[in-house]
Protein backbone atom coordinates (compact mmCIF):
# COMPACT_ATOMS: atom_id res chain seq x y z
CA MET A 1 43.20 17.65 17.15
CA VAL A 2 40.48 16.13 15.09
CA ALA A 3 37.77 17.22 13.22
CA GLY A 4 35.98 15.01 11.14
CA GLU A 5 33.57 17.45 8.39
CA THR A 6 33.31 21.01 7.37
CA SER A 7 31.49 22.65 10.15
CA GLY A 8 33.73 20.86 12.60
CA ASP A 9 36.79 22.32 10.69
CA LEU A 10 35.12 25.88 11.19
CA LEU A 11 34.18 25.22 14.83
CA ALA A 12 37.86 24.03 15.37
CA SER A 13 39.38 27.15 13.95
CA ARG A 14 37.57 29.49 16.59
CA LEU A 15 39.52 27.63 19.25
CA LEU A 16 42.56 27.50 17.51
CA SER A 17 42.16 31.35 16.91
CA GLY A 18 42.48 31.53 20.95
CA LEU A 19 44.93 28.90 21.39
CA ARG A 20 47.59 29.76 19.03
CA SER A 21 48.35 33.10 20.46
CA GLN A 22 49.23 31.12 23.63
CA LEU A 23 51.06 28.81 22.09
CA PRO A 24 52.87 30.23 19.19
CA ASP A 25 55.45 27.25 18.71
CA ALA A 26 53.15 24.39 19.37
CA HIS A 27 52.81 21.60 17.15
CA MET A 28 49.31 21.24 16.47
CA HIS A 29 48.12 18.41 14.06
CA GLY A 30 45.84 15.77 13.64
CA ILE A 31 43.01 15.50 11.24
CA GLY A 32 41.30 18.87 9.84
CA GLY A 33 40.44 21.19 6.92
CA PRO A 34 41.29 24.29 5.63
CA HIS A 35 39.87 26.54 8.21
CA MET A 36 42.19 24.95 10.85
CA ALA A 37 45.15 25.16 8.42
CA GLU A 38 45.07 29.06 8.55
CA TYR A 39 46.40 28.61 12.22
CA GLY A 40 49.52 26.60 11.35
CA PHE A 41 47.44 23.12 11.78
CA VAL A 42 48.73 20.19 10.01
CA SER A 43 46.32 17.54 8.77
CA ASP A 44 48.10 14.03 8.89
CA PHE A 45 45.02 12.56 7.13
CA PRO A 46 42.37 14.05 4.83
CA MET A 47 39.58 15.09 6.43
CA GLU A 48 37.14 13.87 4.08
CA LYS A 49 37.70 10.27 5.01
CA LEU A 50 35.77 10.84 8.01
CA SER A 51 32.45 12.78 6.63
CA VAL A 52 30.41 9.85 6.33
CA ARG A 53 26.78 10.19 7.89
CA GLY A 54 24.17 7.63 8.23
CA LEU A 55 24.32 3.96 10.22
CA PHE A 56 25.19 1.89 7.05
CA GLU A 57 26.80 4.48 4.95
CA VAL A 58 29.68 4.44 7.91
CA LEU A 59 29.50 0.67 7.98
CA ALA A 60 30.31 0.96 4.19
CA HIS A 61 33.81 2.64 5.33
CA TYR A 62 34.46 1.12 8.78
CA ARG A 63 37.40 -0.83 7.50
CA GLU A 64 39.16 2.72 6.11
CA ILE A 65 38.02 4.74 9.03
CA LYS A 66 39.16 2.34 11.79
CA GLY A 67 42.40 1.96 10.11
CA ILE A 68 42.86 5.96 10.44
CA GLN A 69 42.02 5.72 13.89
CA ASN A 70 44.56 3.20 14.65
CA ASP A 71 47.27 4.86 12.64
CA LEU A 72 46.51 8.40 14.51
CA ARG A 73 46.33 6.32 17.84
CA ASP A 74 49.61 4.94 17.43
CA GLN A 75 51.25 8.24 16.62
CA LEU A 76 49.92 10.03 19.55
CA LEU A 77 50.64 7.15 21.90
CA GLN A 78 54.36 7.59 20.52
CA ALA A 79 54.32 11.38 20.58
CA ARG A 80 52.27 11.78 23.78
CA PRO A 81 50.62 15.45 22.84
CA ALA A 82 50.27 17.71 25.67
CA VAL A 83 46.92 17.52 24.95
CA PHE A 84 44.31 15.88 22.65
CA VAL A 85 41.00 17.71 21.49
CA GLY A 86 38.52 15.89 19.77
CA VAL A 87 36.15 18.42 17.69
CA ASP A 88 32.81 17.08 17.50
CA ALA A 89 32.62 13.22 15.51
CA PRO A 90 32.10 11.16 18.55
CA ASP A 91 32.03 8.03 16.95
CA PHE A 92 35.35 8.60 15.84
CA ASN A 93 36.78 10.96 18.55
CA LEU A 94 35.51 9.27 21.60
CA GLY A 95 36.83 5.66 20.95
CA LEU A 96 40.50 7.61 20.15
CA GLU A 97 40.00 9.86 23.50
CA ALA A 98 39.05 6.47 25.62
CA GLN A 99 42.53 5.05 24.44
CA LEU A 100 44.64 8.03 24.65
CA LYS A 101 42.97 9.23 28.61
CA HIS A 102 43.94 5.56 29.89
CA ALA A 103 47.40 5.95 28.58
CA GLY A 104 47.60 9.39 30.60
CA ILE A 105 47.17 11.83 27.81
CA PRO A 106 44.43 14.40 28.88
CA THR A 107 41.68 14.81 26.41
CA VAL A 108 39.20 17.51 25.55
CA HIS A 109 36.04 17.19 23.79
CA PHE A 110 34.81 20.12 22.14
CA ILE A 111 30.94 20.07 21.39
CA GLY A 112 29.17 17.80 23.62
CA PRO A 113 27.29 14.81 21.93
CA SER A 114 23.99 15.47 21.98
CA ILE A 115 23.07 12.95 24.57
CA TRP A 116 19.71 14.89 25.54
CA ALA A 117 18.43 14.33 21.91
CA TRP A 118 19.29 10.61 21.36
CA ARG A 119 22.09 8.02 22.51
CA GLY A 120 21.55 8.95 26.29
CA GLY A 121 23.93 5.80 27.14
CA ARG A 122 26.83 7.48 25.52
CA ILE A 123 27.54 9.20 28.77
CA LYS A 124 29.32 6.35 30.18
CA LYS A 125 31.74 6.34 27.24
CA ILE A 126 32.19 9.99 27.85
CA GLN A 127 32.76 9.39 31.31
CA ARG A 128 35.62 7.06 30.57
CA SER A 129 36.97 9.06 27.34
CA VAL A 130 36.84 12.58 28.20
CA SER A 131 38.99 14.68 30.88
CA HIS A 132 37.12 18.11 29.98
CA MET A 133 34.20 18.83 27.93
CA LEU A 134 33.31 22.15 26.17
CA VAL A 135 29.83 22.70 25.48
CA ILE A 136 28.14 25.15 23.07
CA PHE A 137 24.83 25.10 24.67
CA PRO A 138 23.91 26.89 27.80
CA PHE A 139 22.05 24.03 29.03
CA GLU A 140 24.37 21.64 28.31
CA GLU A 141 26.88 22.58 31.25
CA GLU A 142 25.01 21.02 33.97
CA ILE A 143 24.05 17.66 32.23
CA TYR A 144 27.61 17.02 32.01
CA ARG A 145 28.63 17.87 35.28
CA GLN A 146 25.90 16.14 37.10
CA ALA A 147 27.45 12.88 35.29
CA GLY A 148 30.64 13.61 36.61
CA VAL A 149 32.45 15.02 33.65
CA PRO A 150 33.98 18.65 34.57
CA ALA A 151 32.44 20.87 31.51
CA THR A 152 32.64 24.51 30.26
CA TYR A 153 30.11 26.54 28.53
CA VAL A 154 32.03 28.18 25.80
CA GLY A 155 29.05 29.53 23.58
CA HIS A 156 28.39 28.56 20.02
CA PRO A 157 31.33 29.80 18.05
CA LEU A 158 29.23 30.94 15.02
CA ALA A 159 27.44 32.99 17.04
CA GLN A 160 30.65 35.39 16.81
CA VAL A 161 31.68 34.85 13.42
CA ILE A 162 27.98 35.71 12.18
CA PRO A 163 27.09 39.40 12.44
CA MET A 164 23.81 40.24 14.40
CA GLU A 165 22.37 42.11 11.36
CA PRO A 166 23.68 40.42 8.34
CA ASP A 167 24.43 42.56 5.29
CA GLN A 168 22.23 41.32 2.73
CA VAL A 169 22.85 44.01 -0.03
CA THR A 170 26.82 43.51 0.02
CA ALA A 171 26.17 39.60 0.01
CA ARG A 172 24.07 40.04 -3.08
CA ASN A 173 26.73 42.03 -4.96
CA VAL A 174 29.59 39.79 -4.02
CA LEU A 175 27.37 36.89 -5.51
CA GLY A 176 26.30 38.84 -8.59
CA LEU A 177 22.58 38.45 -7.84
CA LYS A 178 19.94 41.16 -8.37
CA GLN A 179 18.99 43.29 -5.66
CA ASP A 180 15.58 43.57 -6.34
CA ASN A 181 14.58 39.83 -7.22
CA ARG A 182 14.27 37.28 -3.94
CA VAL A 183 16.93 34.68 -3.22
CA VAL A 184 16.38 31.43 -1.62
CA ALA A 185 19.54 29.51 -0.80
CA ILE A 186 20.09 25.71 -1.06
CA LEU A 187 22.07 23.80 1.48
CA PRO A 188 21.68 20.15 0.96
CA GLY A 189 24.61 19.01 3.00
CA SER A 190 28.51 19.28 3.17
CA ARG A 191 28.91 15.46 3.00
CA MET A 192 29.06 13.34 -0.11
CA SER A 193 26.37 11.00 1.50
CA GLU A 194 24.34 14.22 2.11
CA LEU A 195 24.58 15.37 -1.29
CA LYS A 196 23.41 11.72 -2.60
CA TYR A 197 20.20 11.93 -0.84
CA ASN A 198 19.47 15.45 -0.87
CA ALA A 199 20.52 17.37 -3.95
CA THR A 200 17.55 15.95 -6.06
CA ALA A 201 14.79 16.97 -4.33
CA PHE A 202 16.16 20.37 -3.21
CA VAL A 203 16.73 21.40 -6.79
CA GLY A 204 13.27 19.90 -7.79
CA ALA A 205 11.91 22.11 -5.29
CA ALA A 206 13.80 25.10 -6.90
CA LYS A 207 12.06 24.31 -10.35
CA LEU A 208 8.70 24.01 -8.74
CA LEU A 209 8.90 27.17 -7.14
CA LEU A 210 10.05 28.85 -10.30
CA GLN A 211 6.63 28.35 -11.38
CA ARG A 212 5.35 30.46 -8.91
CA ASP A 213 7.92 33.01 -9.17
CA PRO A 214 9.83 33.16 -12.29
CA ASP A 215 11.94 35.81 -10.93
CA LEU A 216 13.47 33.96 -7.96
CA GLN A 217 17.23 33.57 -7.73
CA PHE A 218 18.83 30.14 -6.34
CA VAL A 219 22.28 29.85 -4.70
CA ALA A 220 23.81 26.66 -3.84
CA PRO A 221 27.35 26.83 -1.79
CA MET A 222 29.48 23.67 -1.80
CA ALA A 223 32.02 22.86 0.15
CA GLY A 224 34.66 22.29 -1.94
CA GLU A 225 35.40 21.34 -5.88
CA THR A 226 34.66 17.86 -5.46
CA ARG A 227 31.04 18.24 -3.92
CA HIS A 228 30.61 21.03 -6.43
CA ARG A 229 31.11 18.41 -8.96
CA TYR A 230 29.41 15.39 -7.77
CA PHE A 231 26.48 18.26 -6.99
CA ARG A 232 26.40 19.14 -10.59
CA GLU A 233 26.43 15.50 -11.69
CA LEU A 234 23.78 14.38 -9.38
CA ILE A 235 21.35 17.26 -10.89
CA ALA A 236 22.16 16.35 -14.34
CA GLN A 237 21.50 12.60 -13.77
CA ALA A 238 18.05 13.57 -12.82
CA GLY A 239 17.37 16.12 -15.54
CA LEU A 240 17.28 19.05 -13.45
CA GLN A 241 20.56 20.94 -15.03
CA ASP A 242 18.43 23.79 -16.62
CA VAL A 243 17.29 24.92 -13.38
CA PRO A 244 19.06 28.18 -12.87
CA LEU A 245 21.26 27.79 -10.09
CA LEU A 246 24.20 29.80 -9.09
CA VAL A 247 26.54 26.99 -7.80
CA THR A 248 29.76 28.53 -5.66
CA ASP A 249 32.63 26.65 -4.10
CA GLY A 250 32.44 28.13 -0.58
CA GLN A 251 30.79 31.41 0.29
CA SER A 252 28.02 29.47 2.15
CA HIS A 253 27.90 32.88 4.67
CA GLN A 254 27.39 34.94 1.63
CA ALA A 255 24.52 32.88 0.51
CA LEU A 256 22.53 33.10 3.66
CA ALA A 257 23.34 36.59 4.12
CA ALA A 258 21.87 37.16 0.52
CA ALA A 259 19.09 34.74 0.97
CA ASP A 260 14.90 35.47 1.82
CA ALA A 261 14.42 31.99 2.66
CA VAL A 262 16.55 28.90 2.97
CA LEU A 263 16.20 24.95 2.50
CA VAL A 264 18.60 23.40 4.26
CA ALA A 265 20.04 20.02 5.69
CA SER A 266 19.45 19.21 9.17
CA GLY A 267 22.95 19.87 11.20
CA THR A 268 24.92 22.95 11.96
CA ALA A 269 23.99 24.31 9.05
CA SER A 270 20.45 24.91 10.34
CA LEU A 271 22.14 27.10 13.05
CA GLU A 272 23.75 29.17 11.10
CA VAL A 273 20.79 29.66 9.13
CA ALA A 274 19.10 30.94 12.17
CA LEU A 275 22.04 32.93 13.55
CA PHE A 276 21.65 34.38 9.95
CA LYS A 277 17.77 35.41 11.12
CA LYS A 278 16.22 33.36 7.76
CA PRO A 279 13.28 31.79 7.35
CA MET A 280 14.28 28.20 6.62
CA VAL A 281 12.76 24.50 5.64
CA ILE A 282 15.03 21.71 7.27
CA ALA A 283 15.13 18.86 5.42
CA TYR A 284 17.22 15.55 5.76
CA LYS A 285 17.00 12.11 3.46
CA MET A 286 19.24 9.03 4.03
CA MET A 287 19.79 5.51 3.01
CA ARG A 288 16.43 3.98 4.17
CA ALA A 289 18.02 1.00 6.11
CA SER A 290 19.67 3.71 8.16
CA TRP A 291 16.31 5.95 8.43
CA HIS A 292 14.20 2.80 9.77
CA VAL A 293 16.79 2.75 12.57
CA LEU A 294 17.58 6.00 13.42
CA LYS A 295 14.26 7.40 13.50
CA HIS A 296 13.10 5.16 16.75
CA MET A 297 16.42 6.30 18.43
CA GLY A 298 15.08 10.07 19.04
CA TYR A 299 14.29 11.44 22.34
CA GLN A 300 12.70 14.53 21.14
CA PRO A 301 10.14 15.51 18.34
CA TRP A 302 12.56 17.99 16.59
CA ILE A 303 16.15 17.45 14.71
CA GLY A 304 16.85 20.55 13.87
CA LEU A 305 18.96 22.47 15.86
CA PRO A 306 16.71 25.92 15.86
CA ASN A 307 13.86 24.08 16.95
CA ILE A 308 15.61 21.86 19.54
CA LEU A 309 16.70 25.55 20.86
CA ALA A 310 13.60 26.95 20.85
CA ARG A 311 11.47 23.79 22.06
CA GLU A 312 8.88 23.90 19.54
CA PHE A 313 8.49 23.71 15.91
CA LEU A 314 9.63 27.16 14.89
CA VAL A 315 10.21 26.15 11.18
CA PRO A 316 9.06 23.04 9.49
CA GLU A 317 11.33 19.93 9.16
CA LEU A 318 10.34 17.28 6.31
CA LEU A 319 12.13 13.94 6.60
CA GLN A 320 12.80 11.24 4.59
CA ASP A 321 9.92 10.32 2.55
CA ALA A 322 8.00 13.52 3.69
CA ALA A 323 10.89 15.63 1.47
CA THR A 324 9.34 15.58 -1.57
CA PRO A 325 10.06 18.20 -4.33
CA GLN A 326 6.53 19.29 -3.95
CA ALA A 327 6.37 19.42 -0.08
CA LEU A 328 9.37 21.12 -0.03
CA ALA A 329 8.58 23.52 -2.70
CA ASP A 330 5.14 24.21 -0.67
CA ALA A 331 6.91 24.98 2.61
CA VAL A 332 9.80 27.31 1.08
CA TRP A 333 7.05 29.13 -0.59
CA LEU A 334 5.22 29.66 2.86
CA GLN A 335 8.38 31.10 4.65
CA LEU A 336 8.98 33.59 1.66
CA GLU A 337 5.26 34.73 1.41
CA ASP A 338 4.25 34.69 5.42
CA GLN A 339 5.45 38.26 6.34
CA PRO A 340 3.99 38.22 9.78
CA HIS A 341 5.83 34.77 10.39
CA ARG A 342 9.13 36.04 8.97
CA ALA A 343 8.79 38.90 11.64
CA ARG A 344 8.51 36.63 14.20
CA LEU A 345 11.14 34.39 13.12
CA HIS A 346 13.76 37.40 13.31
CA GLU A 347 12.61 38.11 16.43
CA ARG A 348 13.22 34.73 17.89
CA PHE A 349 16.44 34.21 16.08
CA VAL A 350 17.87 37.66 17.19
CA ALA A 351 17.18 36.43 21.19
CA MET A 352 18.82 32.96 20.31
CA HIS A 353 22.08 34.91 18.71
CA HIS A 354 22.28 36.35 22.18
CA SER A 355 22.12 33.39 24.31
CA LEU A 356 24.45 31.48 22.27
CA LEU A 357 27.28 34.55 22.50
CA ARG A 358 30.24 34.11 24.39
CA ASP A 359 33.61 35.07 23.75
CA THR A 360 34.24 31.36 22.48
CA ALA A 361 37.98 31.77 21.01
CA THR A 362 39.26 32.99 24.33
CA GLU A 363 37.15 30.81 27.05
CA SER A 364 37.75 27.52 24.78
CA ALA A 365 41.47 28.31 24.77
CA GLN A 366 41.56 29.32 28.48
CA ALA A 367 39.81 25.85 29.33
CA VAL A 368 42.16 23.81 27.12
CA MET A 369 45.12 25.63 28.51
CA GLN A 370 43.67 24.82 31.90
CA VAL A 371 43.51 20.99 31.22
CA ILE A 372 46.89 21.49 30.10
CA THR A 373 48.48 23.09 33.24
CA ASP A 374 46.53 20.34 35.68
CA SER A 375 47.79 17.64 33.67
CA LYS A 376 51.49 18.90 34.05
CA ALA A 377 51.02 19.38 37.75
CA SER A 378 49.73 15.76 38.47
């Protein structure tokens, strides 16, 4: 298995939770993180090496990433595993899967690339690379089947992990936050490159929000000690170290449960916020050269998963130059203050949660086991 970032590690762990009980003695290895390790998964390479986002940012690390891909490919071609499962990270995994499938090793891809959003031409590469696709949104199954790629809708793993009604009181107690003062969670991204471009604007927005409500509390969960330290360095360099901010190692779900509103970078985290039924502002900044290329490649007017699933701008999206501290602060303030809007969002997010709820661990594990069985039979 290969998962390339924190969100993939969490998603993959749900599959492993169902698969480990059926394959208790299997050697499960590749690239992954701490959530996967809980099920006996062994990471042959550091997952952080793949956690790079943005066209030019990836190019800067291309030699190292390609080297890891080649080394892993050579290992797997020699070991000939019963199945390879690529978890998201399509730019890394699809190329690896194509070579493995060509060599007769069955390949499963967990989380279909969003060809419905951008880069639809990837379907040809997917056809060459993937024996079976596991999809996490209900409308995706038919898209892949029409393209000749066997697919199974397994629900979104996070819909099972996150409670339908989060316990805000307990979360605030766990984090040491005051019950009577409002909380804003700040999630600038799990990748180092995301922190580099988002952290200063996000914390700058927090400073401005404090001018409107000095009793606001801010919590910023970080994906590990390295990102925690880098985040602190970035806000210190920007002169924002005096903004009162609870920075935690992990505990992102506690932070979201505790929050009244969330400022979040686009990606899987925005869907987590929706599943926690929290008003949010989605924002994203990246290297300017990458932005100029990527902004013309989308098929839809939305980039945030909650908006894509709703097919409308349920929550604001502020991208690149629009994501100034002032604009972010203004948008978050409305999410805090507009009570009818907050009630409507809660209702929509509950419906969204139900639509994504399946026994993902069991259904994804069954699909993988079927691929293994079919491969042995042939």
